[in-house]
Protein backbone atom coordinates (compact mmCIF):
# COMPACT_ATOMS: atom_id res chain seq x y z
CA MET A 1 20.47 1.74 3.23
CA ALA A 2 19.60 -1.55 4.87
CA ILE A 3 16.95 -2.32 7.44
CA GLN A 4 18.25 -4.47 10.30
CA GLN A 5 16.05 -5.94 13.00
CA GLU A 6 16.52 -8.42 15.83
CA HIS A 7 13.87 -9.36 18.37
CA SER A 8 13.69 -12.08 20.99
CA MET A 9 11.12 -13.47 23.37
CA VAL A 10 11.03 -16.32 25.87
CA ILE A 11 8.15 -18.73 25.22
CA ASP A 12 7.11 -21.17 27.92
CA ARG A 13 7.12 -24.18 25.58
CA PRO A 14 9.76 -26.80 24.62
CA ILE A 15 12.23 -25.84 21.88
CA GLU A 16 11.04 -28.61 19.53
CA GLU A 17 7.45 -27.36 19.69
CA VAL A 18 8.37 -23.71 19.10
CA PHE A 19 10.66 -24.65 16.18
CA ALA A 20 8.01 -26.88 14.58
CA PHE A 21 5.31 -24.20 14.81
CA VAL A 22 7.38 -21.21 13.68
CA THR A 23 9.08 -22.95 10.75
CA ASP A 24 5.86 -24.44 9.33
CA PRO A 25 4.89 -22.02 6.53
CA ASN A 26 1.23 -23.06 6.90
CA ASN A 27 1.28 -21.30 10.29
CA ASP A 28 2.58 -17.97 8.93
CA PRO A 29 -0.87 -16.31 8.70
CA LEU A 30 -1.63 -17.44 12.27
CA TRP A 31 1.19 -15.43 13.81
CA GLN A 32 2.64 -13.08 11.20
CA SER A 33 0.39 -10.03 11.08
CA THR A 34 1.27 -9.08 7.50
CA SER A 35 1.23 -12.60 6.01
CA LEU A 36 -1.86 -13.45 4.00
CA GLU A 37 -0.64 -16.74 2.50
CA THR A 38 2.53 -18.80 2.11
CA GLU A 39 2.74 -21.54 -0.49
CA GLN A 40 5.58 -24.02 -0.97
CA THR A 41 6.76 -24.00 -4.60
CA SER A 42 9.29 -26.83 -4.28
CA GLU A 43 8.79 -30.53 -3.65
CA GLY A 44 9.49 -32.33 -0.39
CA ALA A 45 9.97 -31.32 3.21
CA VAL A 46 10.82 -27.81 4.35
CA ASP A 47 14.62 -27.91 4.18
CA VAL A 48 17.64 -26.19 2.63
CA GLY A 49 16.82 -25.33 -0.99
CA GLY A 50 13.05 -25.34 -0.39
CA THR A 51 11.28 -22.45 -2.11
CA PHE A 52 8.12 -20.57 -1.18
CA ARG A 53 5.85 -17.78 -2.42
CA ASN A 54 4.43 -15.40 0.17
CA THR A 55 1.63 -12.87 -0.19
CA SER A 56 1.70 -10.12 2.44
CA LYS A 57 0.31 -6.70 3.12
CA LEU A 58 2.71 -3.93 4.14
CA LEU A 59 1.76 -0.26 4.53
CA GLY A 60 -1.56 -1.01 2.83
CA ARG A 61 0.05 -2.58 -0.24
CA ARG A 62 -0.25 -6.22 -1.25
CA ILE A 63 3.20 -7.61 -1.99
CA GLU A 64 4.36 -10.90 -3.47
CA SER A 65 7.74 -12.31 -2.51
CA THR A 66 9.57 -15.56 -3.03
CA TYR A 67 12.10 -16.99 -0.63
CA GLU A 68 14.44 -19.94 -0.25
CA VAL A 69 15.51 -21.81 2.88
CA THR A 70 19.29 -21.35 3.19
CA GLU A 71 19.88 -23.05 6.57
CA ASN A 72 17.82 -25.58 8.50
CA GLU A 73 19.10 -27.09 11.74
CA PRO A 74 16.11 -28.36 13.78
CA PRO A 75 15.40 -27.37 16.48
CA ARG A 76 18.05 -24.61 16.65
CA ARG A 77 17.98 -22.48 13.50
CA GLN A 78 16.30 -21.79 10.17
CA CYS A 79 17.35 -19.04 7.76
CA VAL A 80 15.83 -17.83 4.52
CA ARG A 81 16.78 -15.48 1.69
CA ILE A 82 14.09 -13.43 -0.05
CA THR A 83 14.80 -13.97 -3.73
CA SER A 84 12.18 -11.69 -5.28
CA GLY A 85 9.86 -8.92 -4.18
CA PRO A 86 10.15 -5.26 -3.16
CA ILE A 87 12.13 -5.95 0.04
CA PRO A 88 14.89 -8.47 -0.73
CA GLY A 89 16.79 -9.63 2.31
CA GLU A 90 17.68 -12.43 4.68
CA GLY A 91 16.27 -13.55 7.97
CA CYS A 92 16.81 -16.21 10.60
CA TYR A 93 14.79 -17.84 13.34
CA LEU A 94 17.03 -18.93 16.21
CA PHE A 95 15.91 -21.10 19.12
CA GLU A 96 17.69 -21.58 22.46
CA HIS A 97 16.86 -23.74 25.48
CA VAL A 98 16.03 -21.73 28.59
CA ASP A 99 16.03 -23.26 32.07
CA GLY A 100 12.69 -24.75 33.04
CA GLY A 101 11.82 -26.07 29.57
CA SER A 102 11.18 -22.73 27.92
CA THR A 103 12.58 -21.49 24.61
CA ARG A 104 14.18 -18.19 23.64
CA PHE A 105 12.96 -17.40 20.11
CA ILE A 106 15.15 -14.88 18.28
CA GLN A 107 14.14 -13.42 14.94
CA THR A 108 16.65 -11.50 12.79
CA PHE A 109 16.00 -9.70 9.52
CA GLU A 110 18.16 -7.62 7.20
CA ALA A 111 16.88 -6.15 3.95
CA GLU A 112 17.44 -3.59 1.26
CA VAL A 113 14.32 -1.62 0.46
CA GLY A 114 13.40 -1.22 -3.20
CA GLY A 115 10.68 0.09 -5.48
CA PHE A 116 7.81 2.03 -3.94
CA PHE A 117 9.04 1.18 -0.45
CA ARG A 118 12.43 2.91 -0.99
CA LEU A 119 10.63 6.27 -0.91
CA ALA A 120 9.22 5.41 2.50
CA GLU A 121 12.24 3.58 3.93
CA PRO A 122 12.12 5.06 7.47
CA LEU A 123 8.41 4.26 7.62
CA VAL A 124 9.06 0.73 6.31
CA GLY A 125 11.75 0.17 8.96
CA ARG A 126 9.39 1.24 11.75
CA ALA A 127 6.54 -0.84 10.31
CA ILE A 128 8.75 -3.93 10.13
CA ARG A 129 10.00 -3.38 13.70
CA ARG A 130 6.44 -3.00 15.04
CA GLN A 131 5.27 -6.00 13.04
CA MET A 132 8.10 -8.23 14.30
CA GLU A 133 7.52 -7.18 17.92
CA ALA A 134 3.78 -7.84 17.64
CA ASP A 135 4.34 -11.16 15.85
CA MET A 136 6.68 -12.36 18.60
CA GLY A 137 3.96 -11.64 21.16
CA THR A 138 1.39 -13.43 19.01
CA VAL A 139 3.46 -16.61 18.68
CA LYS A 140 4.11 -16.56 22.45
CA ASP A 141 0.38 -16.18 23.19
CA LEU A 142 -0.60 -18.90 20.70
CA LEU A 143 1.88 -21.48 21.94
CA GLU A 144 1.46 -20.77 25.65
CA SER A 145 -2.35 -20.89 25.37
CA ARG A 146 -1.99 -24.38 23.87
CA GLN A 147 -0.21 -25.42 27.06
CA GLU A 148 -3.00 -24.04 29.22
CA GLU A 149 -5.57 -25.93 27.15
CA GLY A 150 -3.57 -29.12 27.65
CA GLY A 151 -2.31 -29.12 24.06
């Protein structure tokens, strides 16, 4: 059984700024509550075909995953496919202009749960949902506080 999630939030920042922040893997630990580290394993800019290794913590377990960028259309869309790890899947970040210079940030994720996590699939689904909701709030707070500070 697959886990499917979609969350969106309006962030009071320009679309280019939200896209640049969210799609920079160096920022993952700043706004993704489970992400401990993301490292690019391919050469060049973050673009289609770029590969990464991510270390996260989920349900108290440290997990290693690798992923590849499958779509990159700045500042509208970036999608990735998780190519190894206990929760293989695909996800997209979508960005839409909102009147007044704000951005609607939409995060989608679909995965098949494997290994240890298959035994706890309903728990994993709830944990991922809570994590995505919290992370959306974190990125909103981070980017909007930059505006207030004049950044």
